[in-house]
Structures are given as structure tokens and as C-alpha cells.
Amino acid sequence: MLSKFHVVIDHNNMYIKRMTVLRNKFRYITYAFTLLMMLYETASRFGPPIAVIGGMVKKDCTDPLDEGKFCWSEKVQALVIGCFYYGYTLQFLVAHLATRYGFTLVLRIGLLVSALSTGFYPQLAALSPYAIITTQIVRGFFAGIVVPYQFAFISKWSLPSESKYLISFTGAIIPIGTGLGSLLAGLTATSIGWEYYFYICGALFLISLLANIICIPDVPQQCRFMSESELSLYPEESRVKKDSSEEYASWTLIAKRYYVWAFSFAHISYNFVNYNLFNCVPFYLDEVYKLSTEILSWSTMIFGFIIGFSMIILSKIFQTVDKKLSWIKSRMFFTLAPMFVEVATFLIIPNVNSVLIFIILVSVQAFGLGPLCSGSYMTANYDMDPQNSARIVSIINSFAQLPGFLGPLFMVFMTETDPATPNYDRVLRSRWDNYFYVLTAAPVLQITVIVGSYLLRPNEWKLHPSLDRSEIAVNPAVATDYPDNGEGAKVEG
């Protein structure tokens, strides 16, 4: 009996130790919750193209054997796929509301709106395609808080040594969610029905909302699950900081920075390529190569995972490359090199007739999109001004979402072909080839605006002094050489 009693005591001690370790590392749980939230949000908005192809909409309304549920024109389908981005382009407005009323409050409202509008998507579709368009525009507006919230969360909840890794994972989770959303939509459409994809996404939004309410308050000090020893790791000012518009640089001062507009216009071009992979390529593979819905969903998932894992892999070498090349040379390399890869692949794609070679070329392009997003747009924006990164990314992402609704319309404009056209297959393929040739202009525009921004205002392209203590120790003048010193961006040292 005594030995059994000792065993019980040991188990209790082990449980207490596990709980102590959990409370001392609770920030990692909050990291996981916010990343999973981004996963759900991204998955829910990139699945509709697969759902449309996989049974939601009839391919031929005159065919009585067509198992599609709704008879919508190609233009209406393009609006349904892209309507989310009409609201999503207004991220700077929802970020402004968040700086006034709190990022956490606005995020929770957004999660509730997303849960309802996604969960009732099938019922709205039965009512009218315009019911979907209206509700998804509203949902897109509130969903626009997710990425700015993540940057605000990182600035307050992550330790300096962990922030770059968290930003890289933030960038990686978006394409991974894209791939998983497409796969989930494809699998549900071919098994239990496309409606269940939306039911699952709606439920996940509710779970994410509850997790945020229970575990993630505005600042770490308000977290009841975090131990005092873990709280002591945070600087005193970050532990008591709350959302307040007084803590941020004014919108006017941010708007005067050339790199903000360079990133904005370059990110438009980036997303024309990115959204091409996930919204338009499935239609290309369906129309030109006649692939099944299941194969389309798996191929889209592969593209998303390649982008995501390229970000994770390269995040491990960012700091090493920064030291070898210098921060600015490293960022320029990760910004420009993938663009030349994009140009090359877009010029080659129209000249291949093998679906395998096409998928390989697009996969190579996807691997290049990872470092471009993570090594440039994500980390550079944060490194140049951590305090205002949430506001800045809301501006950049507002412009960057234009391809979300313009891309499908542009695709229809470039590729729509009447089935009664003589030599239909050849004409259709020719129009798709021209579509890819035109997309070559996107990376060319990216190269132009990024290089132009650096040449015009090289001083803006600097690692923020508060993130590089060693450089300040060697050269104290660096701490006063930042363009926005005294204008809202916090400079330490």
C-alpha cells in the first residue's frame, strides 16, 4: 500500500511540474492559437474556387445530367470567388478602427462575422449568388483585421529573439492554409458534399473565437494563465501597454514613406502571381488538361505547402544571410531573385504541353514566392518599424488584395471562350497562353518599384535601431539616424 501511495504522489508531482512548465511557456500556446486562426481564415477564402468546380455550380446548364446545384454564368462565378476581396481591400480602415478601439475587440467581432457568414454559406447560395456576394464583402472587411492583428500581437507578445521566427511562420501559414483549404474543399466536394466545407470552416471560426477570448487578452500581463517568471521576460513597458492611437505614428507620417508605397504596389504584383496559383490555375488545369476535382485540390495544396515550407526553411537562414551580406543586401536578394524566376516560368509555361512539367514549373515559382513574401514584405516591414508594423501592413495588404477580385475577372476576360467556337480547344489554349504572357508584367513591375524606392530613399531601408542593439553599441549615432525618430516610431538606445 505504501509503494502505491508513493506512486500516486509521484504522478501528482509530475502533473504539477507539467502545469508549471506550461505556465512558464504559455506564450507558445498563444502563438499557436493565433497561427491556427490565420490558418482557418486563409483556408476558408481559398476553398470556393474548388467548391465551384466540384459540384456547387453546373458546368453546362443545358445538360440534364450535370450534377451541379446552381446555374451561374462565368461572370457571376468570378464575382462569387472574388467578392471577399472587395471588403478585404479596406484593411487600412479596419486597422484604424483597431487602433482606436483595440485590435483584440475588432478581431473578435471579425471572427464572429466570419463564423456566421461562412457557416451559412450554402443557405445564402440557395437564396441568391448576390446574397453570398453581399455577406462575403462584409466578412472580407472584418477579416482584414487578421494580418494587422498578428503584427500587433507579435509586437506585444513575442520576445525580441522570437519575433522574426514568428513573422516567418505568419507568412508561411497563409499559403499552407490556402493549400489545406483547397484540399478540404476538394475532399468534401467529392465525398460528403461541398456544403460541408463551409460548415467545417464556420465551426473552426467559433473555436478560434472562444480560444482568443479565454487565452489571449490585450497584453501578456492580463493573461491569467501566464506565470510571473514568464511575465518577467517581457520589458516593463510592453507588459502594461494597451492599444491606443497615441502609441502609433500618424497615418500622414506613414504615408510619406516611399517604401510603404513601393511595398504596396509591388505586393499587388506579387498577389497577381499568388492568387493566379490558387484561384485561376485550378480553372486552367480543369479546362485545358481536364483534371478531376480531387487532383485539382491536391495540386493546389502542393503549391501552398511549397510556398509555406520555403518560408519556414528560409526563416532559419535569414539571420545568417543578414550577417554575411548585411541586412539590406539580404532583403534585396530575397526580394529581387524570386521575381526573375517568375518571369522565366511565365515565359516557359505557354510552350509546354505536359501537365507534369507545368506543375513542376509552378512549384518552382511557388518556392520563389515564399522567400519573396517572408524575406521581404513580412520581415522587412517589421524590421524597419516594429511599433507601426500593424498599420503599415494594413496599408500594404489593402492594395495587395486588389488582385483578389480583379484576378478572376481578368482571367474570365482573357480566357472566356464560347464552346461553339471552331477549334474550341486550340482557341481556349491560345487564350490561356496569352494570359500567362501578360502575367509576366507583374514581376517586372515589382522589380521596378522596389529598386526605385531604394534608389530614391535609401535611408528608409534600414534595420530599426531598437532591433539591433549590437550596432548601436558600436555606433551610437545609428540610434538617431532613423528617419522617423521622434515621429511616433519608438527608438530605443
Foldseek 3Di string as FASTA:
>chain_A
DVVVVVVVVVVVVVVVVVLVVCQLVVLVVVLVLLLVLLLLVLLLLLALLLQCQLACEFPDPVDPPGRHDHHDDLVLSLLLNQLLLLQLLQLLVLVVVCLAVNLLVLLLVLLLLLLVLLQCVVVLVVVDSVSSSVSSSVSSNSCNSSVLSQLLCLLQRPFLVCSLLSLLLSLLSNLLSSLVSNLLQLVCSVPVRNSVSSNVSSVVSVVSSVCCVQAPDQHPLPGPSHDPVNVVSDPPCSRPDGRHNLLFFDPVVVVPALVLVLLQLLLLLLVLLVCCLRNPVLVVCCQQVVDDSNVSSNLSSLLSNLLSVLSNVVSVCLVVVCVVPNLLVQQVCLQQVLLVLLLVLLLCLLVDDDPVVNSVSSSSSSSSSNSNCSSYVRVQLCQLFSSCSSSSVSNSSSSSSVCSSVVSVVSCVQQPDDPVDVVRNVSNSVSVSVVSNVSNVSSVSSVVSNVVSCVVCVLSRDGAQVSCVPVCVVPVVSQVSRPCVVRNGDGDD
